[in-house]
């Protein structure tokens, strides 16, 4: 019988050590990366907090460190707004055939802006180039989402960086069907977050928001 070389014996020991360690790691959960591809994958969203809104429309929320992932899943074609606020300003995040956001700042009882939407990321397919463009958009703007041309047209996925937001942080969402039927989260949302003109992409100079009545993230 030929003797194993020293290198071969060392290699066998390394393999044996890996085999022995495997049971220790088999129970560990590894968070699957969430891609903003307009498809709510079972595995990537399995740990989500799910809120039923209306008519089989759902909101999925996952927080990972300083990032909140939001998925809006409807039973009809939609576009959407996601609102983030700390009580002093409201970030209006718009996702339709393209993406953009505007900031409203609190001035007394009203919230004002001088901004208007300047839309970007109108890609119609999800591929490596789109993914790279989304990554750059997230770095510049602190959020990204798929547009309605990517995915099944009934699902919008958002990735939002909360690291620059001081507590408290509130969230609201509005899903708009193409006949302008609106579905909101929280379900009883009744401030200007559901104002049709704003949801359509216009930016009135002055609005009224009540973030303290929204869903508190932290």
Protein backbone atom coordinates (compact mmCIF):
# COMPACT_ATOMS: atom_id res chain seq x y z
CA UNK A 1 0.00 0.00 0.00
CA UNK A 2 1.32 3.38 -0.98
CA UNK A 3 1.71 5.89 1.83
CA UNK A 4 -0.03 9.23 1.55
CA UNK A 5 2.23 12.19 1.15
CA UNK A 6 2.35 14.85 3.85
CA UNK A 7 0.41 17.26 1.57
CA UNK A 8 -2.31 14.68 0.93
CA UNK A 9 -2.70 13.96 4.65
CA UNK A 10 -3.00 17.69 5.37
CA UNK A 11 -5.63 18.06 2.66
CA UNK A 12 -7.67 15.19 4.10
CA UNK A 13 -7.57 16.82 7.54
CA UNK A 14 -8.89 20.08 6.11
CA UNK A 15 -11.76 18.25 4.39
CA UNK A 16 -12.59 16.39 7.61
CA UNK A 17 -12.64 19.65 9.56
CA UNK A 18 -15.06 21.20 7.07
CA UNK A 19 -17.35 18.17 7.27
CA UNK A 20 -17.38 18.35 11.07
CA UNK A 21 -18.17 22.09 11.03
CA UNK A 22 -21.01 21.85 8.53
CA UNK A 23 -23.68 20.95 11.14
CA UNK A 24 -22.69 24.03 13.14
CA UNK A 25 -23.51 26.31 10.21
CA UNK A 26 -26.50 24.46 8.79
CA UNK A 27 -28.94 26.26 11.09
CA UNK A 28 -27.67 29.76 10.38
CA UNK A 29 -29.91 32.00 8.28
CA UNK A 30 -28.27 33.93 5.50
CA UNK A 31 -30.29 36.94 4.36
CA UNK A 32 -30.95 36.66 0.67
CA UNK A 33 -30.31 39.90 -1.17
CA UNK A 34 -33.48 41.68 -2.24
CA UNK A 35 -33.42 42.82 -5.84
CA UNK A 36 -35.67 45.64 -6.96
CA UNK A 37 -36.78 43.66 -10.00
CA UNK A 38 -40.54 43.96 -9.56
CA UNK A 39 -40.99 40.37 -8.38
CA UNK A 40 -41.68 39.44 -4.75
CA UNK A 41 -39.60 36.26 -4.43
CA UNK A 42 -40.74 33.88 -1.70
CA UNK A 43 -37.24 33.41 -0.27
CA UNK A 44 -36.08 37.01 -0.41
CA UNK A 45 -39.26 38.34 1.27
CA UNK A 46 -39.95 35.43 3.64
CA UNK A 47 -39.07 37.48 6.75
CA UNK A 48 -41.19 40.48 5.75
CA UNK A 49 -43.80 42.19 7.88
CA UNK A 50 -46.89 41.96 5.65
CA UNK A 51 -49.87 44.32 5.78
CA UNK A 52 -53.05 43.60 3.84
CA UNK A 53 -54.37 46.88 2.49
CA UNK A 54 -57.48 46.17 0.39
CA UNK A 55 -58.69 43.97 -2.46
CA UNK A 56 -55.71 41.60 -2.14
CA UNK A 57 -53.25 44.50 -2.20
CA UNK A 58 -50.33 44.07 0.20
CA UNK A 59 -47.41 46.01 1.64
CA UNK A 60 -44.23 44.11 2.56
CA UNK A 61 -41.64 45.67 4.88
CA UNK A 62 -38.15 44.44 5.75
CA UNK A 63 -35.56 46.46 7.66
CA UNK A 64 -31.89 45.51 7.37
CA UNK A 65 -29.63 47.75 9.39
CA UNK A 66 -30.26 51.27 8.03
CA UNK A 67 -32.17 50.20 4.92
CA UNK A 68 -35.92 49.66 4.63
CA UNK A 69 -37.21 47.50 1.77
CA UNK A 70 -40.81 48.10 0.73
CA UNK A 71 -42.76 45.97 -1.71
CA UNK A 72 -46.19 47.03 -2.94
CA UNK A 73 -48.05 44.09 -4.47
CA UNK A 74 -51.40 44.70 -6.12
CA UNK A 75 -53.93 42.68 -8.09
CA UNK A 76 -54.02 45.24 -10.91
CA UNK A 77 -51.46 47.37 -12.70
CA UNK A 78 -50.30 50.27 -10.53
CA UNK A 79 -47.88 53.08 -10.01
CA UNK A 80 -47.07 54.30 -6.51
CA UNK A 81 -45.80 56.81 -3.99
CA UNK A 82 -43.84 56.02 -0.86
CA UNK A 83 -43.57 58.77 1.74
CA UNK A 84 -40.84 59.04 4.38
CA UNK A 85 -40.96 61.70 7.11
CA UNK A 86 -39.35 62.66 10.40
CA UNK A 87 -42.05 65.20 11.19
CA UNK A 88 -40.11 68.14 9.75
CA UNK A 89 -39.84 67.11 6.14
CA UNK A 90 -41.56 64.63 3.83
CA UNK A 91 -39.77 62.83 1.03
CA UNK A 92 -42.22 61.94 -1.74
CA UNK A 93 -40.87 58.96 -3.68
CA UNK A 94 -42.56 58.41 -7.04
CA UNK A 95 -42.35 55.22 -9.11
CA UNK A 96 -44.27 54.94 -12.36
CA UNK A 97 -42.71 54.51 -15.80
CA UNK A 98 -39.68 56.32 -14.29
CA UNK A 99 -38.46 57.46 -10.87
CA UNK A 100 -37.92 60.65 -8.91
CA UNK A 101 -38.56 62.30 -5.55
CA UNK A 102 -39.30 65.71 -4.10
CA UNK A 103 -38.94 67.08 -0.58
CA UNK A 104 -41.65 68.99 1.26
CA UNK A 105 -40.60 70.99 4.33
CA UNK A 106 -42.83 71.97 7.20
CA UNK A 107 -43.69 75.65 7.54
CA UNK A 108 -46.26 76.13 10.29
CA UNK A 109 -49.38 74.17 9.42
CA UNK A 110 -48.34 73.63 5.81
CA UNK A 111 -45.66 71.76 3.90
CA UNK A 112 -44.02 73.51 0.97
CA UNK A 113 -41.67 72.74 -1.89
CA UNK A 114 -40.13 74.47 -4.86
CA UNK A 115 -39.14 71.18 -6.44
CA UNK A 116 -40.72 69.28 -9.31
CA UNK A 117 -40.25 65.74 -10.51
CA UNK A 118 -37.42 65.19 -13.01
CA UNK A 119 -37.83 61.56 -13.97
CA UNK A 120 -35.02 59.03 -14.49
CA UNK A 121 -34.52 55.27 -14.89
CA UNK A 122 -37.13 54.52 -17.52
CA UNK A 123 -35.49 51.20 -18.48
CA UNK A 124 -37.95 48.60 -19.75
CA UNK A 125 -36.03 45.42 -18.85
CA UNK A 126 -34.10 44.23 -15.82
CA UNK A 127 -30.56 43.17 -16.71
CA UNK A 128 -27.02 43.73 -15.51
CA UNK A 129 -26.90 47.24 -17.02
CA UNK A 130 -30.17 48.18 -15.33
CA UNK A 131 -28.96 46.75 -12.03
CA UNK A 132 -25.77 48.81 -12.26
CA UNK A 133 -27.75 51.96 -13.08
CA UNK A 134 -30.01 51.28 -10.10
CA UNK A 135 -26.97 50.93 -7.86
CA UNK A 136 -25.66 54.33 -8.95
CA UNK A 137 -29.10 55.89 -8.52
CA UNK A 138 -29.29 54.54 -4.96
CA UNK A 139 -25.87 55.99 -4.15
CA UNK A 140 -26.89 59.43 -5.45
CA UNK A 141 -30.43 59.61 -4.11
CA UNK A 142 -30.60 57.31 -1.09
CA UNK A 143 -33.31 55.14 -2.60
CA UNK A 144 -34.20 53.16 -5.70
CA UNK A 145 -37.09 51.12 -7.06
CA UNK A 146 -38.15 49.27 -10.16
CA UNK A 147 -40.40 51.15 -12.55
CA UNK A 148 -43.70 49.75 -13.82
CA UNK A 149 -42.11 48.35 -16.99
CA UNK A 150 -39.89 46.02 -14.95
CA UNK A 151 -41.55 43.00 -13.37
CA UNK A 152 -45.23 42.09 -13.58
CA UNK A 153 -46.54 45.71 -13.63
CA UNK A 154 -48.44 44.95 -10.41
CA UNK A 155 -45.44 45.02 -8.06
CA UNK A 156 -43.11 47.83 -7.06
CA UNK A 157 -40.09 47.22 -4.83
CA UNK A 158 -38.26 50.04 -3.07
CA UNK A 159 -34.90 50.14 -1.31
CA UNK A 160 -34.60 53.21 0.95
CA UNK A 161 -31.63 54.35 3.03
CA UNK A 162 -32.75 55.64 6.45
CA UNK A 163 -29.30 56.45 7.82
CA UNK A 164 -29.77 60.21 7.36
CA UNK A 165 -33.20 60.30 8.97
CA UNK A 166 -33.45 61.27 12.62
CA UNK A 167 -36.11 59.59 14.74
CA UNK A 168 -39.02 59.39 14.66
CA UNK A 169 -39.33 58.03 11.11
CA UNK A 170 -42.76 57.52 9.56
CA UNK A 171 -43.82 55.78 6.37
CA UNK A 172 -46.92 55.91 4.17
CA UNK A 173 -47.65 54.34 0.78
CA UNK A 174 -50.20 54.92 -1.96
CA UNK A 175 -50.86 52.47 -4.78
CA UNK A 176 -52.69 54.00 -7.75
CA UNK A 177 -54.58 51.91 -10.28
CA UNK A 178 -54.82 53.27 -13.80
CA UNK A 179 -58.44 54.37 -13.23
CA UNK A 180 -57.13 56.43 -10.25
CA UNK A 181 -58.54 54.13 -7.59
CA UNK A 182 -56.14 54.61 -4.69
CA UNK A 183 -55.09 52.09 -2.03
CA UNK A 184 -53.21 53.50 0.94
CA UNK A 185 -51.10 52.27 3.81
CA UNK A 186 -51.99 52.94 6.54
CA UNK A 187 -55.49 52.13 5.23
CA UNK A 188 -57.14 55.23 6.75
CA UNK A 189 -54.63 57.69 5.31
CA UNK A 190 -56.55 60.92 4.71
CA UNK A 191 -54.04 63.75 4.33
CA UNK A 192 -52.54 65.11 1.11
CA UNK A 193 -50.50 61.97 0.60
CA UNK A 194 -53.62 60.72 -1.22
CA UNK A 195 -54.18 63.98 -3.13
CA UNK A 196 -54.76 62.87 -6.77
CA UNK A 197 -52.68 65.66 -8.31
CA UNK A 198 -49.65 64.77 -6.20
CA UNK A 199 -50.04 61.06 -6.94
CA UNK A 200 -50.22 61.87 -10.65
CA UNK A 201 -46.79 63.52 -10.44
CA UNK A 202 -47.62 67.18 -9.95
CA UNK A 203 -46.04 69.08 -7.06
CA UNK A 204 -48.40 71.67 -5.53
CA UNK A 205 -46.55 74.44 -3.72
CA UNK A 206 -48.33 73.84 -0.43
CA UNK A 207 -49.78 70.65 1.07
CA UNK A 208 -50.86 69.26 4.42
CA UNK A 209 -49.37 66.04 5.80
CA UNK A 210 -49.87 64.32 9.14
CA UNK A 211 -46.87 61.98 9.47
CA UNK A 212 -47.63 61.19 13.13
CA UNK A 213 -50.68 59.26 11.86
CA UNK A 214 -48.60 57.19 9.44
CA UNK A 215 -46.83 53.89 10.10
CA UNK A 216 -43.92 54.47 12.47
CA UNK A 217 -40.73 52.69 11.40
CA UNK A 218 -38.71 53.70 14.47
